[in-house]
N, C-alpha and C. Protein backbone atom coordinates (compact mmCIF):
# COMPACT_ATOMS: atom_id res chain seq x y z
N MET A 1 6.23 -12.84 -0.28
CA MET A 1 5.11 -12.47 0.36
C MET A 1 4.20 -12.29 -0.64
N LEU A 2 2.93 -12.63 -0.63
CA LEU A 2 1.78 -12.13 -1.62
C LEU A 2 0.93 -11.17 -1.02
N LEU A 3 0.85 -10.12 -1.45
CA LEU A 3 -0.03 -9.18 -1.23
C LEU A 3 -1.22 -9.10 -2.00
N GLU A 4 -2.38 -9.20 -1.50
CA GLU A 4 -3.63 -8.90 -2.15
C GLU A 4 -4.42 -7.83 -1.85
N LEU A 5 -4.69 -6.88 -2.99
CA LEU A 5 -5.38 -5.85 -2.85
C LEU A 5 -6.85 -6.04 -3.32
N VAL A 6 -7.99 -6.18 -2.53
CA VAL A 6 -9.15 -6.44 -2.73
C VAL A 6 -10.17 -5.25 -3.10
N SER A 7 -10.37 -5.02 -4.19
CA SER A 7 -11.09 -3.83 -4.74
C SER A 7 -12.33 -3.62 -3.94
N LEU A 8 -12.67 -2.49 -3.36
CA LEU A 8 -14.02 -2.25 -2.66
C LEU A 8 -14.84 -1.43 -3.69
N HIS A 9 -14.40 -1.40 -5.08
CA HIS A 9 -15.23 -0.76 -6.16
C HIS A 9 -15.49 -1.93 -7.15
N HIS A 10 -16.68 -2.15 -7.56
CA HIS A 10 -17.09 -3.28 -8.45
C HIS A 10 -16.31 -3.12 -9.90
N GLU A 11 -15.90 -1.79 -10.29
CA GLU A 11 -15.47 -1.76 -11.57
C GLU A 11 -13.88 -1.82 -11.65
N ALA A 12 -13.25 -1.82 -10.42
CA ALA A 12 -11.85 -1.98 -10.34
C ALA A 12 -11.47 -3.25 -10.12
N PRO A 13 -10.34 -3.82 -10.80
CA PRO A 13 -10.04 -5.36 -10.59
C PRO A 13 -9.21 -5.50 -9.27
N ASP A 14 -9.39 -6.53 -8.73
CA ASP A 14 -8.36 -6.89 -7.66
C ASP A 14 -6.97 -7.17 -8.08
N LEU A 15 -6.03 -6.93 -7.22
CA LEU A 15 -4.63 -6.89 -7.67
C LEU A 15 -3.98 -8.06 -6.64
N GLU A 16 -3.05 -8.76 -7.29
CA GLU A 16 -2.11 -9.56 -6.49
C GLU A 16 -0.56 -9.21 -6.92
N VAL A 17 0.25 -8.85 -5.66
CA VAL A 17 1.46 -8.46 -5.95
C VAL A 17 2.46 -9.25 -5.05
N ARG A 18 3.36 -9.67 -5.66
CA ARG A 18 4.51 -10.48 -5.16
C ARG A 18 5.47 -9.54 -4.66
N ILE A 19 5.70 -9.44 -3.17
CA ILE A 19 6.71 -8.60 -2.64
C ILE A 19 7.90 -9.56 -2.18
N ASN A 20 9.08 -9.22 -2.81
CA ASN A 20 10.33 -9.90 -2.21
C ASN A 20 11.19 -8.99 -1.44
N ASP A 21 12.39 -8.85 -1.74
CA ASP A 21 13.23 -7.87 -0.92
C ASP A 21 13.27 -6.67 -1.50
N ALA A 22 13.10 -6.30 -2.53
CA ALA A 22 13.03 -4.87 -3.27
C ALA A 22 11.66 -4.24 -3.22
N PRO A 23 11.60 -2.95 -3.21
CA PRO A 23 10.26 -2.40 -3.01
C PRO A 23 9.55 -2.43 -4.43
N VAL A 24 8.32 -2.53 -4.31
CA VAL A 24 7.40 -2.79 -5.68
C VAL A 24 6.89 -1.46 -5.78
N THR A 25 6.77 -0.79 -7.22
CA THR A 25 6.21 0.49 -7.30
C THR A 25 4.91 0.33 -7.99
N ILE A 26 4.10 1.19 -7.40
CA ILE A 26 2.52 1.14 -7.85
C ILE A 26 2.31 2.38 -8.64
N GLY A 27 1.74 2.46 -9.88
CA GLY A 27 1.53 3.84 -10.41
C GLY A 27 0.95 3.49 -11.92
N ARG A 28 0.80 4.59 -12.43
CA ARG A 28 0.20 4.65 -13.74
C ARG A 28 1.19 4.33 -15.01
N SER A 29 2.48 4.49 -14.70
CA SER A 29 3.63 4.34 -15.72
C SER A 29 3.66 2.96 -16.16
N GLY A 30 4.18 2.71 -17.38
CA GLY A 30 4.22 1.43 -17.73
C GLY A 30 5.45 0.74 -17.20
N ASP A 31 6.40 1.68 -16.63
CA ASP A 31 7.58 1.02 -15.63
C ASP A 31 7.19 0.66 -14.25
N ALA A 32 5.99 0.96 -13.95
CA ALA A 32 5.62 0.45 -12.48
C ALA A 32 5.48 -1.14 -12.47
N ALA A 33 5.79 -1.76 -11.48
CA ALA A 33 5.67 -3.10 -11.28
C ALA A 33 4.12 -3.53 -11.38
N VAL A 34 3.39 -2.66 -10.78
CA VAL A 34 1.88 -2.75 -10.73
C VAL A 34 1.32 -1.44 -11.29
N ARG A 35 0.65 -1.78 -12.39
CA ARG A 35 0.10 -0.64 -13.20
C ARG A 35 -1.35 -0.43 -12.89
N LEU A 36 -1.64 0.77 -12.56
CA LEU A 36 -3.21 1.14 -12.37
C LEU A 36 -3.54 2.25 -13.34
N ASP A 37 -4.39 1.79 -14.01
CA ASP A 37 -4.87 2.69 -15.34
C ASP A 37 -6.08 3.68 -14.75
N SER A 38 -5.51 4.81 -14.18
CA SER A 38 -6.59 5.67 -13.60
C SER A 38 -5.97 7.01 -13.61
N PRO A 39 -6.69 8.10 -13.94
CA PRO A 39 -6.06 9.39 -14.09
C PRO A 39 -5.78 10.05 -12.83
N GLU A 40 -6.24 9.48 -11.65
CA GLU A 40 -6.04 9.92 -10.23
C GLU A 40 -4.83 9.49 -9.69
N VAL A 41 -4.24 8.35 -10.22
CA VAL A 41 -3.05 7.81 -9.83
C VAL A 41 -1.74 8.39 -10.78
N SER A 42 -0.91 8.70 -9.81
CA SER A 42 0.36 9.36 -10.46
C SER A 42 1.19 8.25 -11.15
N ARG A 43 2.06 8.65 -11.92
CA ARG A 43 2.97 7.50 -12.87
C ARG A 43 3.72 6.85 -11.82
N ARG A 44 4.26 7.27 -10.85
CA ARG A 44 4.99 6.55 -9.75
C ARG A 44 4.20 7.09 -8.38
N HIS A 45 3.25 6.42 -8.01
CA HIS A 45 2.22 6.73 -7.15
C HIS A 45 2.98 6.52 -5.71
N CYS A 46 3.32 5.09 -5.49
CA CYS A 46 3.70 4.74 -4.13
C CYS A 46 4.59 3.28 -4.55
N GLU A 47 5.08 2.95 -3.17
CA GLU A 47 5.84 1.70 -3.26
C GLU A 47 5.70 0.91 -2.08
N VAL A 48 5.74 -0.46 -2.02
CA VAL A 48 5.54 -1.32 -0.90
C VAL A 48 6.85 -2.30 -0.86
N TYR A 49 7.18 -2.22 0.49
CA TYR A 49 8.31 -3.12 0.67
C TYR A 49 8.16 -3.81 2.01
N PRO A 50 8.92 -4.93 2.23
CA PRO A 50 8.70 -5.63 3.63
C PRO A 50 9.70 -5.10 4.59
N LEU A 51 8.94 -5.40 5.90
CA LEU A 51 9.75 -4.86 6.87
C LEU A 51 9.53 -6.06 7.96
N ASN A 52 10.53 -6.74 8.42
CA ASN A 52 10.29 -7.78 9.26
C ASN A 52 9.09 -8.76 8.88
N SER A 53 7.96 -8.90 9.47
CA SER A 53 7.04 -9.82 9.05
C SER A 53 5.78 -9.05 8.33
N ALA A 54 5.96 -7.72 8.25
CA ALA A 54 4.98 -6.88 7.95
C ALA A 54 5.19 -6.25 6.61
N LEU A 55 4.45 -5.35 6.03
CA LEU A 55 4.69 -4.43 4.91
C LEU A 55 4.78 -3.00 5.13
N VAL A 56 5.41 -2.19 4.35
CA VAL A 56 5.47 -0.85 4.57
C VAL A 56 4.92 -0.11 3.21
N ILE A 57 4.17 0.78 3.27
CA ILE A 57 3.82 1.59 2.06
C ILE A 57 4.39 2.99 2.08
N ARG A 58 5.09 3.54 1.10
CA ARG A 58 5.52 4.84 0.99
C ARG A 58 4.99 5.56 -0.24
N ASP A 59 4.40 6.74 0.00
CA ASP A 59 4.00 7.57 -1.07
C ASP A 59 5.35 8.23 -1.82
N LEU A 60 5.08 8.23 -2.94
CA LEU A 60 6.35 8.73 -3.82
C LEU A 60 5.89 10.24 -4.48
N LYS A 61 5.40 11.01 -3.38
CA LYS A 61 5.27 12.33 -3.80
C LYS A 61 4.14 12.51 -4.91
N SER A 62 3.01 11.65 -4.70
CA SER A 62 1.95 11.57 -5.67
C SER A 62 0.95 12.81 -5.50
N THR A 63 0.39 13.24 -6.59
CA THR A 63 -0.42 14.30 -6.66
C THR A 63 -1.65 14.13 -5.79
N ASN A 64 -2.36 13.09 -5.73
CA ASN A 64 -3.64 12.87 -5.01
C ASN A 64 -3.33 12.15 -3.81
N GLY A 65 -2.17 11.74 -3.27
CA GLY A 65 -1.96 11.02 -2.09
C GLY A 65 -2.14 9.59 -1.94
N THR A 66 -1.75 9.03 -0.93
CA THR A 66 -1.82 7.59 -0.55
C THR A 66 -2.37 7.59 0.79
N TYR A 67 -3.49 6.88 0.89
CA TYR A 67 -4.38 7.09 2.21
C TYR A 67 -4.32 5.58 2.76
N VAL A 68 -4.18 5.29 4.00
CA VAL A 68 -4.44 4.12 4.61
C VAL A 68 -5.46 4.41 5.87
N ASN A 69 -6.66 3.75 5.69
CA ASN A 69 -7.68 3.82 6.64
C ASN A 69 -8.26 5.37 6.68
N GLY A 70 -8.16 5.98 5.62
CA GLY A 70 -8.55 7.42 5.52
C GLY A 70 -7.81 8.41 5.90
N VAL A 71 -6.50 8.08 6.27
CA VAL A 71 -5.48 8.99 6.59
C VAL A 71 -4.43 9.12 5.54
N ARG A 72 -4.12 10.31 5.16
CA ARG A 72 -2.96 10.55 4.07
C ARG A 72 -1.75 10.04 4.72
N VAL A 73 -0.84 9.28 4.10
CA VAL A 73 0.40 8.91 4.61
C VAL A 73 1.53 9.16 3.75
N THR A 74 2.82 9.32 4.37
CA THR A 74 3.97 9.44 3.56
C THR A 74 4.72 8.14 3.53
N GLU A 75 4.56 7.57 4.71
CA GLU A 75 5.02 6.27 4.85
C GLU A 75 4.75 5.60 6.16
N THR A 76 4.04 4.41 6.00
CA THR A 76 3.56 3.72 7.24
C THR A 76 3.44 2.13 7.07
N LEU A 77 3.30 1.58 8.19
CA LEU A 77 2.95 0.16 8.12
C LEU A 77 1.64 -0.14 7.47
N LEU A 78 1.49 -1.19 6.71
CA LEU A 78 0.42 -1.45 5.83
C LEU A 78 0.16 -3.06 6.43
N LEU A 79 -1.10 -3.22 7.10
CA LEU A 79 -1.41 -4.41 7.88
C LEU A 79 -2.43 -4.97 7.03
N PRO A 80 -2.65 -6.37 7.26
CA PRO A 80 -3.91 -7.09 6.93
C PRO A 80 -5.07 -6.48 7.36
N GLY A 81 -6.19 -6.14 6.53
CA GLY A 81 -7.41 -5.49 7.12
C GLY A 81 -7.45 -4.13 6.94
N ASP A 82 -6.38 -3.35 6.60
CA ASP A 82 -6.27 -2.00 6.23
C ASP A 82 -7.25 -1.72 5.11
N LYS A 83 -7.57 -0.55 5.04
CA LYS A 83 -8.25 0.17 3.69
C LYS A 83 -7.14 1.02 2.96
N LEU A 84 -6.83 0.66 1.93
CA LEU A 84 -5.78 1.62 1.06
C LEU A 84 -6.50 2.18 -0.04
N THR A 85 -6.42 3.64 -0.04
CA THR A 85 -6.89 4.38 -1.18
C THR A 85 -5.90 4.71 -2.06
N LEU A 86 -5.88 4.58 -3.40
CA LEU A 86 -5.02 5.11 -4.37
C LEU A 86 -5.72 5.71 -5.40
N GLY A 87 -5.69 6.94 -5.68
CA GLY A 87 -6.57 7.73 -6.63
C GLY A 87 -8.12 7.54 -5.97
N ALA A 88 -8.83 7.21 -6.82
CA ALA A 88 -10.44 7.06 -6.49
C ALA A 88 -10.66 5.62 -6.05
N THR A 89 -9.86 4.62 -6.15
CA THR A 89 -10.17 3.39 -5.70
C THR A 89 -9.63 2.84 -4.31
N ARG A 90 -10.54 2.23 -3.59
CA ARG A 90 -10.20 1.67 -2.22
C ARG A 90 -9.91 0.27 -2.27
N TYR A 91 -9.10 -0.20 -1.66
CA TYR A 91 -8.63 -1.66 -1.58
C TYR A 91 -8.56 -2.08 -0.12
N LEU A 92 -9.01 -3.46 -0.03
CA LEU A 92 -8.86 -4.11 1.54
C LEU A 92 -7.46 -4.85 1.18
N VAL A 93 -6.55 -4.76 2.15
CA VAL A 93 -5.29 -5.16 2.26
C VAL A 93 -5.29 -6.59 2.81
N ARG A 94 -4.74 -7.52 2.07
CA ARG A 94 -4.68 -8.88 2.69
C ARG A 94 -3.31 -9.55 2.43
N TYR A 95 -2.89 -10.09 3.47
CA TYR A 95 -1.45 -10.91 3.01
C TYR A 95 -1.33 -11.69 4.38
N GLU A 96 -0.48 -12.80 4.38
CA GLU A 96 -0.25 -13.54 5.52
C GLU A 96 1.16 -13.17 6.13
N ARG A 97 1.16 -12.76 7.23
CA ARG A 97 2.42 -12.26 7.86
C ARG A 97 3.19 -13.67 8.29
N ARG A 98 4.49 -13.55 8.15
CA ARG A 98 5.27 -14.66 8.37
C ARG A 98 5.35 -15.02 9.83
N SER A 99 5.29 -14.04 10.75
CA SER A 99 5.35 -14.09 12.08
C SER A 99 4.57 -12.97 12.76
N THR A 100 4.57 -13.07 14.05
CA THR A 100 3.97 -11.91 14.81
C THR A 100 4.76 -10.87 15.21
N GLU A 101 6.22 -10.80 14.67
CA GLU A 101 7.17 -9.96 15.06
C GLU A 101 6.94 -8.81 14.14
N VAL A 102 6.88 -7.50 14.91
CA VAL A 102 6.72 -6.42 13.92
C VAL A 102 7.71 -5.42 14.93
N CYS A 103 8.19 -4.47 14.20
CA CYS A 103 9.14 -3.48 14.65
C CYS A 103 8.22 -2.42 15.54
N THR A 104 8.38 -2.59 16.86
CA THR A 104 7.67 -1.87 17.63
C THR A 104 7.60 -0.27 17.64
N GLN A 105 8.74 0.24 17.23
CA GLN A 105 8.91 1.68 16.99
C GLN A 105 8.03 2.09 15.77
N THR A 106 7.78 1.32 14.73
CA THR A 106 6.93 1.52 13.49
C THR A 106 5.54 1.51 13.99
N VAL A 107 5.18 0.64 14.81
CA VAL A 107 3.80 0.53 15.09
C VAL A 107 3.32 1.70 16.03
N ARG A 108 4.19 2.20 16.94
CA ARG A 108 4.03 3.50 17.78
C ARG A 108 3.82 4.56 16.85
N GLU A 109 4.67 4.66 15.79
CA GLU A 109 4.65 5.97 14.89
C GLU A 109 3.41 5.90 14.17
N ARG A 110 3.02 4.73 13.82
CA ARG A 110 1.69 4.69 13.00
C ARG A 110 0.52 5.03 13.87
N ARG A 111 0.56 4.55 15.19
CA ARG A 111 -0.60 4.92 16.04
C ARG A 111 -0.57 6.43 16.25
N ALA A 112 0.66 6.98 16.34
CA ALA A 112 0.61 8.34 16.67
C ALA A 112 0.08 9.28 15.59
N LYS A 113 0.36 8.81 14.21
CA LYS A 113 0.05 9.38 13.08
C LYS A 113 -1.62 9.34 12.81
N SER A 114 -2.14 8.44 13.23
CA SER A 114 -3.44 8.05 13.03
C SER A 114 -4.52 8.73 14.09
N ARG A 115 -3.84 9.42 15.15
CA ARG A 115 -4.70 10.23 16.06
C ARG A 115 -4.91 11.46 15.55
């Protein structure tokens, strides 16, 4: 699955991330699969992994947090159209879901957290 993070800040680049079966780490470290060169981003900031036809994002105890649609999250569904904030940069999330199947329990948990 190809995850596109479209920067909503003109100075930050867009990102393309190939998500297979294993989690993909995003952070400032040279060991991160996706490296963000920003002092507001932790060395191991968050990770993204597939769940059914969608993606899940998990914060890795980052200093400044991971935000989806303005809400700080520890782990949540990441859907196309969401706004993802890592450090000082906001991204528009884009990817093509393989099907409309989504874990119903996960969707309910996400909606409850956003209230």
